[in-house]
Amino acid sequence: MILAAISLAAILHRPAPTVTCQSGAVSYKFVGAPGTQFTYTGKQYTVPPRGWIELIGHGRDSKYAANGRDLSLDVWPIDDFGMRTVSLPATQTTSSKEGLDDSRTGIR
């Protein structure tokens, strides 16, 4: 009887476990136009036809590169599961008609 009381007391007065959470992002969801290319952790990726790609976070690596620019990942919001959704910048393309003179625009 005494042993049961001691065991029960030990169970009931056990300190609460401490919870430790991952600090920072666990994964990233890169969203952009299909075919958009970017670099993360030194590897180049291309957005598939569905328009997004999910990648596991790699420690404290908080940069990615797109359109020749290094960009920060820490500016994007993080959800309750530790995922950051990153909008990739649109690829800069020049129109084939850009810079051509249109003879119809001149007044003579």
N, C-alpha and C. Protein backbone atom coordinates (compact mmCIF):
# COMPACT_ATOMS: atom_id res chain seq x y z
N MET A 1 0.81 -1.18 0.00
CA MET A 1 0.00 0.00 0.00
C MET A 1 0.87 1.27 0.00
N ILE A 2 1.89 1.26 0.81
CA ILE A 2 2.79 2.42 0.86
C ILE A 2 3.54 2.55 -0.47
N LEU A 3 3.98 1.42 -1.03
CA LEU A 3 4.69 1.44 -2.31
C LEU A 3 3.80 2.01 -3.42
N ALA A 4 2.55 1.63 -3.43
CA ALA A 4 1.60 2.14 -4.42
C ALA A 4 1.41 3.64 -4.26
N ALA A 5 1.33 4.14 -3.04
CA ALA A 5 1.16 5.56 -2.78
C ALA A 5 2.38 6.35 -3.23
N ILE A 6 3.56 5.80 -2.99
CA ILE A 6 4.80 6.47 -3.41
C ILE A 6 4.88 6.51 -4.94
N SER A 7 4.55 5.41 -5.59
CA SER A 7 4.59 5.34 -7.05
C SER A 7 3.58 6.31 -7.66
N LEU A 8 2.36 6.36 -7.10
CA LEU A 8 1.33 7.26 -7.58
C LEU A 8 1.75 8.72 -7.38
N ALA A 9 2.35 9.03 -6.27
CA ALA A 9 2.82 10.39 -5.99
C ALA A 9 3.91 10.80 -6.97
N ALA A 10 4.78 9.86 -7.31
CA ALA A 10 5.87 10.15 -8.26
C ALA A 10 5.30 10.44 -9.64
N ILE A 11 4.26 9.72 -10.02
CA ILE A 11 3.65 9.93 -11.35
C ILE A 11 2.91 11.26 -11.39
N LEU A 12 2.17 11.57 -10.36
CA LEU A 12 1.36 12.78 -10.34
C LEU A 12 2.17 14.05 -10.19
N HIS A 13 3.34 13.98 -9.59
CA HIS A 13 4.15 15.17 -9.35
C HIS A 13 5.36 15.26 -10.28
N ARG A 14 5.27 14.59 -11.40
CA ARG A 14 6.34 14.64 -12.38
C ARG A 14 6.35 16.02 -13.05
N PRO A 15 7.51 16.63 -13.24
CA PRO A 15 7.54 17.94 -13.89
C PRO A 15 7.09 17.82 -15.35
N ALA A 16 6.47 18.86 -15.84
CA ALA A 16 6.00 18.88 -17.23
C ALA A 16 7.19 18.84 -18.18
N PRO A 17 7.07 18.11 -19.28
CA PRO A 17 8.18 18.08 -20.24
C PRO A 17 8.35 19.44 -20.90
N THR A 18 9.56 19.76 -21.24
CA THR A 18 9.82 21.01 -21.94
C THR A 18 9.74 20.77 -23.44
N VAL A 19 9.13 21.71 -24.12
CA VAL A 19 8.95 21.60 -25.56
C VAL A 19 9.99 22.48 -26.23
N THR A 20 10.68 21.91 -27.19
CA THR A 20 11.64 22.69 -27.97
C THR A 20 11.18 22.70 -29.41
N CYS A 21 11.14 23.86 -29.99
CA CYS A 21 10.69 24.01 -31.37
C CYS A 21 11.88 24.33 -32.27
N GLN A 22 11.72 23.98 -33.52
CA GLN A 22 12.70 24.34 -34.53
C GLN A 22 12.68 25.85 -34.69
N SER A 23 13.81 26.49 -34.58
CA SER A 23 13.84 27.92 -34.83
C SER A 23 14.10 28.14 -36.31
N GLY A 24 13.27 28.92 -36.94
CA GLY A 24 13.41 29.18 -38.36
C GLY A 24 12.59 28.22 -39.20
N ALA A 25 12.81 28.29 -40.48
CA ALA A 25 12.02 27.51 -41.43
C ALA A 25 12.51 26.06 -41.52
N VAL A 26 11.55 25.17 -41.67
CA VAL A 26 11.84 23.76 -41.86
C VAL A 26 11.89 23.45 -43.36
N SER A 27 11.01 24.14 -44.12
CA SER A 27 10.96 23.93 -45.56
C SER A 27 10.53 25.21 -46.27
N TYR A 28 10.71 25.20 -47.58
CA TYR A 28 10.36 26.35 -48.41
C TYR A 28 9.51 25.88 -49.58
N LYS A 29 8.50 26.66 -49.91
CA LYS A 29 7.68 26.41 -51.09
C LYS A 29 7.92 27.57 -52.05
N PHE A 30 8.66 27.29 -53.11
CA PHE A 30 8.98 28.30 -54.11
C PHE A 30 7.87 28.31 -55.15
N VAL A 31 7.23 29.47 -55.33
CA VAL A 31 6.10 29.61 -56.23
C VAL A 31 6.48 30.57 -57.36
N GLY A 32 6.22 30.16 -58.60
CA GLY A 32 6.52 31.01 -59.73
C GLY A 32 5.98 30.43 -61.02
N ALA A 33 6.22 31.12 -62.09
CA ALA A 33 5.78 30.65 -63.40
C ALA A 33 6.54 29.37 -63.76
N PRO A 34 5.85 28.40 -64.36
CA PRO A 34 6.55 27.18 -64.78
C PRO A 34 7.76 27.52 -65.65
N GLY A 35 8.87 26.87 -65.36
CA GLY A 35 10.11 27.10 -66.10
C GLY A 35 11.03 28.13 -65.44
N THR A 36 10.54 28.84 -64.43
CA THR A 36 11.38 29.81 -63.73
C THR A 36 12.51 29.09 -63.02
N GLN A 37 13.73 29.58 -63.19
CA GLN A 37 14.89 28.95 -62.57
C GLN A 37 15.39 29.77 -61.39
N PHE A 38 15.87 29.07 -60.36
CA PHE A 38 16.44 29.72 -59.19
C PHE A 38 17.47 28.78 -58.59
N THR A 39 18.30 29.32 -57.70
CA THR A 39 19.34 28.54 -57.04
C THR A 39 19.12 28.59 -55.54
N TYR A 40 19.19 27.43 -54.89
CA TYR A 40 19.10 27.33 -53.44
C TYR A 40 20.11 26.29 -52.98
N THR A 41 20.91 26.62 -52.01
CA THR A 41 21.99 25.79 -51.46
C THR A 41 22.96 25.32 -52.55
N GLY A 42 23.22 26.19 -53.51
CA GLY A 42 24.18 25.87 -54.55
C GLY A 42 23.66 24.99 -55.67
N LYS A 43 22.40 24.60 -55.61
CA LYS A 43 21.81 23.76 -56.67
C LYS A 43 20.76 24.56 -57.42
N GLN A 44 20.72 24.35 -58.73
CA GLN A 44 19.74 25.07 -59.54
C GLN A 44 18.48 24.24 -59.69
N TYR A 45 17.34 24.89 -59.54
CA TYR A 45 16.03 24.24 -59.65
C TYR A 45 15.19 24.97 -60.69
N THR A 46 14.23 24.26 -61.27
CA THR A 46 13.29 24.83 -62.22
C THR A 46 11.88 24.55 -61.73
N VAL A 47 11.04 25.57 -61.72
CA VAL A 47 9.66 25.40 -61.28
C VAL A 47 8.93 24.51 -62.28
N PRO A 48 8.31 23.42 -61.80
CA PRO A 48 7.60 22.50 -62.70
C PRO A 48 6.27 23.09 -63.19
N PRO A 49 5.59 22.41 -64.10
CA PRO A 49 4.33 22.92 -64.66
C PRO A 49 3.25 23.27 -63.62
N ARG A 50 3.25 22.63 -62.46
CA ARG A 50 2.23 22.93 -61.46
C ARG A 50 2.41 24.31 -60.83
N GLY A 51 3.59 24.94 -61.00
CA GLY A 51 3.81 26.31 -60.54
C GLY A 51 4.47 26.45 -59.19
N TRP A 52 4.89 25.35 -58.56
CA TRP A 52 5.58 25.44 -57.28
C TRP A 52 6.43 24.21 -57.05
N ILE A 53 7.40 24.37 -56.15
CA ILE A 53 8.28 23.27 -55.77
C ILE A 53 8.61 23.44 -54.28
N GLU A 54 8.54 22.35 -53.52
CA GLU A 54 8.85 22.38 -52.09
C GLU A 54 10.22 21.77 -51.85
N LEU A 55 11.01 22.44 -51.02
CA LEU A 55 12.35 21.97 -50.69
C LEU A 55 12.54 22.00 -49.18
N ILE A 56 13.25 21.02 -48.66
CA ILE A 56 13.57 20.96 -47.24
C ILE A 56 14.60 22.03 -46.93
N GLY A 57 14.44 22.72 -45.80
CA GLY A 57 15.39 23.74 -45.37
C GLY A 57 16.73 23.10 -45.02
N HIS A 58 17.79 23.84 -45.25
CA HIS A 58 19.14 23.34 -44.95
C HIS A 58 19.80 24.24 -43.91
N GLY A 59 19.48 23.99 -42.66
CA GLY A 59 20.11 24.73 -41.57
C GLY A 59 19.88 26.22 -41.64
N ARG A 60 20.94 26.95 -41.55
CA ARG A 60 20.83 28.41 -41.50
C ARG A 60 20.97 29.06 -42.88
N ASP A 61 20.90 28.29 -43.94
CA ASP A 61 21.01 28.85 -45.29
C ASP A 61 19.77 29.70 -45.56
N SER A 62 19.94 31.02 -45.59
CA SER A 62 18.79 31.91 -45.69
C SER A 62 18.82 32.78 -46.95
N LYS A 63 19.46 32.29 -47.98
CA LYS A 63 19.54 33.03 -49.24
C LYS A 63 19.17 32.12 -50.41
N TYR A 64 18.67 32.74 -51.46
CA TYR A 64 18.45 32.05 -52.73
C TYR A 64 18.79 33.04 -53.84
N ALA A 65 18.97 32.57 -55.03
CA ALA A 65 19.31 33.45 -56.15
C ALA A 65 18.30 33.26 -57.26
N ALA A 66 17.84 34.38 -57.82
CA ALA A 66 16.92 34.36 -58.95
C ALA A 66 17.19 35.58 -59.81
N ASN A 67 17.15 35.41 -61.11
CA ASN A 67 17.42 36.50 -62.06
C ASN A 67 18.77 37.17 -61.80
N GLY A 68 19.76 36.39 -61.37
CA GLY A 68 21.09 36.92 -61.14
C GLY A 68 21.26 37.73 -59.87
N ARG A 69 20.26 37.70 -58.98
CA ARG A 69 20.34 38.46 -57.73
C ARG A 69 20.25 37.51 -56.54
N ASP A 70 21.05 37.77 -55.51
CA ASP A 70 20.94 37.03 -54.25
C ASP A 70 19.84 37.68 -53.41
N LEU A 71 18.91 36.87 -52.94
CA LEU A 71 17.76 37.36 -52.20
C LEU A 71 17.63 36.64 -50.86
N SER A 72 17.03 37.28 -49.89
CA SER A 72 16.87 36.71 -48.56
C SER A 72 15.58 35.90 -48.46
N LEU A 73 15.66 34.77 -47.78
CA LEU A 73 14.47 33.95 -47.53
C LEU A 73 13.74 34.38 -46.26
N ASP A 74 14.43 35.11 -45.38
CA ASP A 74 13.86 35.47 -44.09
C ASP A 74 12.76 36.52 -44.17
N VAL A 75 12.55 37.13 -45.31
CA VAL A 75 11.53 38.17 -45.43
C VAL A 75 10.13 37.59 -45.65
N TRP A 76 10.05 36.32 -46.01
CA TRP A 76 8.75 35.70 -46.31
C TRP A 76 8.12 35.17 -45.03
N PRO A 77 6.78 35.23 -44.94
CA PRO A 77 6.10 34.75 -43.72
C PRO A 77 6.27 33.25 -43.53
N ILE A 78 6.26 32.84 -42.27
CA ILE A 78 6.42 31.42 -41.93
C ILE A 78 5.10 30.94 -41.33
N ASP A 79 4.63 29.76 -41.74
CA ASP A 79 3.37 29.24 -41.20
C ASP A 79 3.61 28.42 -39.93
N ASP A 80 2.53 27.87 -39.38
CA ASP A 80 2.62 27.13 -38.12
C ASP A 80 3.46 25.85 -38.22
N PHE A 81 3.67 25.37 -39.42
CA PHE A 81 4.44 24.14 -39.61
C PHE A 81 5.89 24.40 -39.97
N GLY A 82 6.29 25.66 -40.01
CA GLY A 82 7.67 26.01 -40.30
C GLY A 82 7.98 26.13 -41.78
N MET A 83 6.96 26.33 -42.62
CA MET A 83 7.18 26.48 -44.06
C MET A 83 7.06 27.95 -44.45
N ARG A 84 8.01 28.38 -45.26
CA ARG A 84 7.95 29.72 -45.84
C ARG A 84 7.55 29.57 -47.31
N THR A 85 6.56 30.35 -47.74
CA THR A 85 6.17 30.37 -49.15
C THR A 85 6.86 31.56 -49.81
N VAL A 86 7.70 31.26 -50.79
CA VAL A 86 8.55 32.26 -51.44
C VAL A 86 8.05 32.49 -52.86
N SER A 87 7.67 33.73 -53.16
CA SER A 87 7.25 34.08 -54.52
C SER A 87 8.50 34.43 -55.33
N LEU A 88 8.71 33.69 -56.38
CA LEU A 88 9.88 33.94 -57.23
C LEU A 88 9.59 35.12 -58.15
N PRO A 89 10.58 35.98 -58.37
CA PRO A 89 10.38 37.10 -59.29
C PRO A 89 10.21 36.60 -60.72
N ALA A 90 9.40 37.32 -61.47
CA ALA A 90 9.17 36.95 -62.87
C ALA A 90 10.47 37.09 -63.65
N THR A 91 10.67 36.18 -64.57
CA THR A 91 11.85 36.23 -65.42
C THR A 91 11.76 37.44 -66.32
N GLN A 92 12.83 38.18 -66.40
CA GLN A 92 12.83 39.39 -67.22
C GLN A 92 13.11 39.01 -68.67
N THR A 93 12.15 39.32 -69.51
CA THR A 93 12.33 39.07 -70.94
C THR A 93 12.06 40.37 -71.68
N THR A 94 12.71 40.53 -72.80
CA THR A 94 12.46 41.71 -73.61
C THR A 94 11.63 41.30 -74.80
N SER A 95 10.72 42.12 -75.16
CA SER A 95 9.84 41.86 -76.29
C SER A 95 10.64 42.00 -77.58
N SER A 96 10.32 41.17 -78.55
CA SER A 96 11.03 41.24 -79.82
C SER A 96 10.69 42.51 -80.57
N LYS A 97 9.56 43.15 -80.24
CA LYS A 97 9.16 44.38 -80.90
C LYS A 97 9.71 45.61 -80.19
N GLU A 98 10.26 45.42 -79.00
CA GLU A 98 10.75 46.54 -78.23
C GLU A 98 11.94 47.18 -78.94
N GLY A 99 11.93 48.47 -79.02
CA GLY A 99 13.04 49.19 -79.62
C GLY A 99 12.92 49.37 -81.12
N LEU A 100 11.92 48.75 -81.74
CA LEU A 100 11.72 48.94 -83.17
C LEU A 100 10.89 50.19 -83.40
N ASP A 101 11.26 50.94 -84.40
CA ASP A 101 10.48 52.13 -84.73
C ASP A 101 9.25 51.73 -85.50
N ASP A 102 8.14 52.36 -85.15
CA ASP A 102 6.89 52.12 -85.85
C ASP A 102 6.62 53.34 -86.71
N SER A 103 6.61 53.15 -88.01
CA SER A 103 6.46 54.28 -88.92
C SER A 103 5.07 54.90 -88.79
N ARG A 104 4.13 54.19 -88.22
CA ARG A 104 2.78 54.72 -88.09
C ARG A 104 2.67 55.76 -86.98
N THR A 105 3.62 55.80 -86.05
CA THR A 105 3.54 56.73 -84.93
C THR A 105 4.06 58.12 -85.28
N GLY A 106 4.82 58.24 -86.32
CA GLY A 106 5.37 59.55 -86.70
C GLY A 106 4.36 60.36 -87.49
N ILE A 107 4.28 61.64 -87.19
CA ILE A 107 3.38 62.53 -87.94
C ILE A 107 4.25 63.33 -88.89
N ARG A 108 3.82 63.38 -90.13
CA ARG A 108 4.60 64.09 -91.15
C ARG A 108 3.82 65.22 -91.70
